[in-house]
């Protein structure tokens, strides 16, 4: 998605059977909001109330999304090379064990 967005070809994400059933500007807006929701840093991600506002107000300008930390880069042919930016987090998984009484 990121690569198509960056190259100005995000509408290629749309299923071809929907070709005549959607408004291009609305589809692009949805894709842009989706990219904003997967930004690396939580402070760059919009709150749900902002997402609703952005999707329901077509006239308002949206911030430009930044490249996500992880995306699949298209290589030659059908192979895809995975591109991972270095990003470390302190989030650790926790396992909760349930003990019946």
Protein backbone atom coordinates (compact mmCIF):
# COMPACT_ATOMS: atom_id res chain seq x y z
CA UNK A 1 0.00 0.00 0.00
CA UNK A 2 2.78 2.41 0.93
CA UNK A 3 4.58 1.97 -2.38
CA UNK A 4 1.43 2.49 -4.43
CA UNK A 5 0.57 5.55 -2.31
CA UNK A 6 4.05 7.02 -2.72
CA UNK A 7 3.94 6.45 -6.48
CA UNK A 8 0.48 8.03 -6.81
CA UNK A 9 -1.09 4.72 -7.83
CA UNK A 10 -3.11 3.92 -4.69
CA UNK A 11 -6.30 3.35 -6.69
CA UNK A 12 -4.70 0.16 -8.01
CA UNK A 13 -5.62 -1.29 -4.61
CA UNK A 14 -9.28 -1.21 -5.54
CA UNK A 15 -10.88 -4.39 -6.85
CA UNK A 16 -11.49 -4.03 -10.58
CA UNK A 17 -15.08 -5.27 -10.21
CA UNK A 18 -15.75 -2.07 -8.19
CA UNK A 19 -14.38 0.17 -10.93
CA UNK A 20 -17.68 1.98 -11.56
CA UNK A 21 -18.99 1.78 -7.99
CA UNK A 22 -16.78 4.15 -6.00
CA UNK A 23 -15.75 7.77 -5.92
CA UNK A 24 -11.99 8.05 -6.50
CA UNK A 25 -11.45 10.95 -4.10
CA UNK A 26 -13.30 9.10 -1.32
CA UNK A 27 -11.31 5.93 -1.93
CA UNK A 28 -8.02 7.86 -1.83
CA UNK A 29 -9.13 9.58 1.37
CA UNK A 30 -9.89 6.21 2.99
CA UNK A 31 -6.49 4.86 1.96
CA UNK A 32 -4.75 7.97 3.31
CA UNK A 33 -6.59 7.73 6.64
CA UNK A 34 -5.70 4.04 6.81
CA UNK A 35 -2.03 4.87 6.32
CA UNK A 36 -2.26 7.50 9.06
CA UNK A 37 -3.68 4.84 11.40
CA UNK A 38 -0.63 2.59 10.96
CA UNK A 39 2.04 5.19 11.63
CA UNK A 40 4.97 4.02 13.72
CA UNK A 41 4.62 6.33 16.69
CA UNK A 42 1.36 6.47 18.60
CA UNK A 43 1.43 10.27 18.74
CA UNK A 44 1.29 10.31 14.93
CA UNK A 45 -1.78 8.06 14.81
CA UNK A 46 -5.15 9.85 14.81
CA UNK A 47 -7.65 9.23 17.59
CA UNK A 48 -10.79 7.36 16.55
CA UNK A 49 -12.83 10.55 16.81
CA UNK A 50 -10.38 12.19 14.38
CA UNK A 51 -10.67 9.22 12.00
CA UNK A 52 -14.46 9.60 11.95
CA UNK A 53 -14.10 13.35 11.38
CA UNK A 54 -11.56 12.88 8.56
CA UNK A 55 -13.73 10.33 6.78
CA UNK A 56 -16.93 12.35 7.07
CA UNK A 57 -15.48 15.75 6.07
CA UNK A 58 -14.17 15.51 2.53
CA UNK A 59 -13.24 19.17 2.31
CA UNK A 60 -10.67 19.14 5.10
CA UNK A 61 -6.99 18.66 4.41
CA UNK A 62 -5.35 15.54 5.81
CA UNK A 63 -1.78 15.19 7.06
CA UNK A 64 0.53 13.26 4.78
CA UNK A 65 1.39 9.81 6.12
CA UNK A 66 5.01 8.86 6.68
CA UNK A 67 6.58 5.63 5.55
CA UNK A 68 5.58 2.83 7.93
CA UNK A 69 8.35 0.85 9.66
CA UNK A 70 7.42 -2.34 7.88
CA UNK A 71 6.27 -2.78 4.31
CA UNK A 72 6.78 -5.22 1.44
CA UNK A 73 8.90 -3.76 -1.34
CA UNK A 74 8.17 -5.15 -4.77
CA UNK A 75 11.22 -6.67 -6.40
CA UNK A 76 11.74 -7.88 -9.90
CA UNK A 77 9.24 -10.53 -10.96
CA UNK A 78 6.92 -11.88 -8.31
CA UNK A 79 9.43 -11.86 -5.46
CA UNK A 80 8.91 -9.37 -2.67
CA UNK A 81 11.75 -8.16 -0.50
CA UNK A 82 10.77 -7.24 3.02
CA UNK A 83 11.96 -3.84 4.14
CA UNK A 84 12.22 -3.26 7.85
CA UNK A 85 13.37 0.02 9.35
CA UNK A 86 15.12 -0.36 12.67
CA UNK A 87 12.65 0.43 15.41
CA UNK A 88 12.84 -0.91 18.91
CA UNK A 89 10.01 -0.92 21.37
CA UNK A 90 9.74 -1.62 25.04
CA UNK A 91 6.47 -3.49 24.60
CA UNK A 92 6.80 -7.01 25.92
CA UNK A 93 4.15 -9.69 25.55
CA UNK A 94 2.51 -10.86 28.74
CA UNK A 95 0.92 -14.21 29.37
CA UNK A 96 -1.99 -14.36 31.73
CA UNK A 97 -2.66 -17.70 33.33
CA UNK A 98 -6.18 -18.33 34.54
CA UNK A 99 -6.51 -20.41 37.71
CA UNK A 100 -9.99 -21.77 38.43
CA UNK A 101 -11.23 -21.61 42.01
